[in-house]
Amino acid sequence: MEVAVEGFVMLATTKKIAKTLFFGIRIYSFAWKSLLELVYPYPCYSAFAHSLKRKC
């Protein structure tokens, strides 16, 4: 019985970590793009234009 409970807790924890990582990566990438736009107001002339896949 205890093994089943431990397995369930582990599964729940893993799902929680995965969800946190997923949202963390999304927020991080959004913040990174915003930062790039602040630093480079004209993405067409920057080296990051291609990585952001901007249409000029």
N, C-alpha and C. Protein backbone atom coordinates (compact mmCIF):
# COMPACT_ATOMS: atom_id res chain seq x y z
N MET A 1 0.83 -1.20 0.00
CA MET A 1 0.00 0.00 0.00
C MET A 1 0.87 1.26 0.00
N GLU A 2 1.93 1.26 0.81
CA GLU A 2 2.80 2.44 0.90
C GLU A 2 3.52 2.70 -0.42
N VAL A 3 3.86 1.64 -1.12
CA VAL A 3 4.55 1.79 -2.41
C VAL A 3 3.66 2.53 -3.38
N ALA A 4 2.37 2.21 -3.41
CA ALA A 4 1.42 2.86 -4.31
C ALA A 4 1.32 4.35 -3.98
N VAL A 5 1.27 4.66 -2.69
CA VAL A 5 1.16 6.06 -2.27
C VAL A 5 2.42 6.83 -2.68
N GLU A 6 3.59 6.21 -2.45
CA GLU A 6 4.84 6.86 -2.83
C GLU A 6 4.91 7.09 -4.33
N GLY A 7 4.45 6.11 -5.10
CA GLY A 7 4.44 6.23 -6.56
C GLY A 7 3.53 7.37 -7.00
N PHE A 8 2.37 7.48 -6.35
CA PHE A 8 1.41 8.53 -6.69
C PHE A 8 2.00 9.91 -6.37
N VAL A 9 2.64 10.03 -5.21
CA VAL A 9 3.24 11.30 -4.81
C VAL A 9 4.35 11.68 -5.79
N MET A 10 5.16 10.68 -6.17
CA MET A 10 6.24 10.93 -7.12
C MET A 10 5.69 11.42 -8.45
N LEU A 11 4.62 10.77 -8.92
CA LEU A 11 4.00 11.14 -10.19
C LEU A 11 3.47 12.57 -10.12
N ALA A 12 2.80 12.91 -9.03
CA ALA A 12 2.25 14.26 -8.86
C ALA A 12 3.37 15.31 -8.83
N THR A 13 4.44 14.98 -8.12
CA THR A 13 5.58 15.90 -8.03
C THR A 13 6.22 16.10 -9.40
N THR A 14 6.37 15.01 -10.15
CA THR A 14 6.97 15.09 -11.48
C THR A 14 6.13 15.97 -12.39
N LYS A 15 4.80 15.79 -12.33
CA LYS A 15 3.90 16.59 -13.16
C LYS A 15 4.00 18.06 -12.78
N LYS A 16 4.09 18.31 -11.48
CA LYS A 16 4.19 19.69 -10.99
C LYS A 16 5.49 20.34 -11.49
N ILE A 17 6.59 19.61 -11.39
CA ILE A 17 7.89 20.13 -11.84
C ILE A 17 7.85 20.39 -13.35
N ALA A 18 7.26 19.47 -14.10
CA ALA A 18 7.19 19.62 -15.55
C ALA A 18 6.38 20.87 -15.91
N LYS A 19 5.25 21.06 -15.22
CA LYS A 19 4.40 22.22 -15.48
C LYS A 19 5.14 23.50 -15.14
N THR A 20 5.84 23.52 -14.01
CA THR A 20 6.59 24.70 -13.59
C THR A 20 7.68 25.03 -14.60
N LEU A 21 8.40 24.00 -15.06
CA LEU A 21 9.45 24.20 -16.06
C LEU A 21 8.87 24.76 -17.34
N PHE A 22 7.73 24.19 -17.77
CA PHE A 22 7.10 24.61 -19.02
C PHE A 22 6.75 26.10 -18.96
N PHE A 23 6.08 26.51 -17.87
CA PHE A 23 5.69 27.92 -17.75
C PHE A 23 6.92 28.81 -17.56
N GLY A 24 7.91 28.30 -16.84
CA GLY A 24 9.13 29.07 -16.64
C GLY A 24 9.84 29.36 -17.95
N ILE A 25 9.90 28.35 -18.82
CA ILE A 25 10.55 28.53 -20.12
C ILE A 25 9.76 29.52 -20.97
N ARG A 26 8.43 29.43 -20.93
CA ARG A 26 7.61 30.36 -21.71
C ARG A 26 7.80 31.79 -21.24
N ILE A 27 7.78 32.00 -19.93
CA ILE A 27 7.96 33.34 -19.37
C ILE A 27 9.37 33.85 -19.68
N TYR A 28 10.36 32.96 -19.58
CA TYR A 28 11.75 33.34 -19.84
C TYR A 28 11.93 33.79 -21.29
N SER A 29 11.37 33.02 -22.23
CA SER A 29 11.53 33.37 -23.64
C SER A 29 10.80 34.67 -23.96
N PHE A 30 9.64 34.87 -23.33
CA PHE A 30 8.90 36.12 -23.55
C PHE A 30 9.69 37.31 -23.03
N ALA A 31 10.27 37.16 -21.83
CA ALA A 31 11.07 38.24 -21.24
C ALA A 31 12.30 38.51 -22.08
N TRP A 32 12.92 37.44 -22.59
CA TRP A 32 14.12 37.58 -23.40
C TRP A 32 13.81 38.35 -24.68
N LYS A 33 12.68 38.06 -25.33
CA LYS A 33 12.30 38.78 -26.55
C LYS A 33 12.01 40.24 -26.25
N SER A 34 11.35 40.50 -25.13
CA SER A 34 11.05 41.88 -24.74
C SER A 34 12.35 42.64 -24.49
N LEU A 35 13.30 41.98 -23.84
CA LEU A 35 14.59 42.60 -23.55
C LEU A 35 15.32 42.93 -24.86
N LEU A 36 15.27 41.99 -25.80
CA LEU A 36 15.92 42.22 -27.09
C LEU A 36 15.29 43.41 -27.81
N GLU A 37 13.96 43.53 -27.71
CA GLU A 37 13.28 44.63 -28.39
C GLU A 37 13.66 45.96 -27.75
N LEU A 38 13.91 45.94 -26.43
CA LEU A 38 14.35 47.17 -25.76
C LEU A 38 15.77 47.55 -26.19
N VAL A 39 16.63 46.54 -26.24
CA VAL A 39 18.03 46.80 -26.59
C VAL A 39 18.16 47.14 -28.07
N TYR A 40 17.41 46.41 -28.90
CA TYR A 40 17.46 46.64 -30.34
C TYR A 40 16.08 47.08 -30.84
N PRO A 41 15.79 48.38 -30.82
CA PRO A 41 14.48 48.84 -31.28
C PRO A 41 14.27 48.56 -32.77
N TYR A 42 15.37 48.44 -33.52
CA TYR A 42 15.28 48.14 -34.93
C TYR A 42 15.88 46.76 -35.19
N PRO A 43 15.06 45.71 -35.07
CA PRO A 43 15.56 44.33 -35.16
C PRO A 43 16.16 44.02 -36.52
N CYS A 44 15.77 44.77 -37.56
CA CYS A 44 16.26 44.48 -38.91
C CYS A 44 17.76 44.69 -39.01
N TYR A 45 18.29 45.59 -38.20
CA TYR A 45 19.72 45.90 -38.28
C TYR A 45 20.54 45.11 -37.27
N SER A 46 19.85 44.38 -36.40
CA SER A 46 20.58 43.68 -35.35
C SER A 46 20.94 42.27 -35.79
N ALA A 47 21.88 41.68 -35.08
CA ALA A 47 22.30 40.31 -35.37
C ALA A 47 21.23 39.31 -34.96
N PHE A 48 20.29 39.76 -34.11
CA PHE A 48 19.26 38.85 -33.60
C PHE A 48 18.04 38.80 -34.52
N ALA A 49 18.06 39.59 -35.60
CA ALA A 49 16.90 39.65 -36.49
C ALA A 49 16.57 38.27 -37.05
N HIS A 50 17.61 37.52 -37.44
CA HIS A 50 17.39 36.22 -38.05
C HIS A 50 16.90 35.21 -37.02
N SER A 51 17.44 35.29 -35.80
CA SER A 51 17.04 34.34 -34.76
C SER A 51 15.60 34.60 -34.32
N LEU A 52 15.16 35.86 -34.39
CA LEU A 52 13.78 36.19 -34.04
C LEU A 52 12.83 35.95 -35.21
N LYS A 53 13.42 35.70 -36.41
CA LYS A 53 12.64 35.44 -37.63
C LYS A 53 11.67 36.60 -37.89
N ARG A 54 12.23 37.82 -37.86
CA ARG A 54 11.43 39.02 -38.10
C ARG A 54 11.26 39.25 -39.60
N LYS A 55 10.07 39.71 -39.96
CA LYS A 55 9.86 40.17 -41.33
C LYS A 55 10.10 41.67 -41.35
N CYS A 56 11.04 42.12 -42.18
CA CYS A 56 11.37 43.54 -42.22
C CYS A 56 10.62 44.23 -43.35
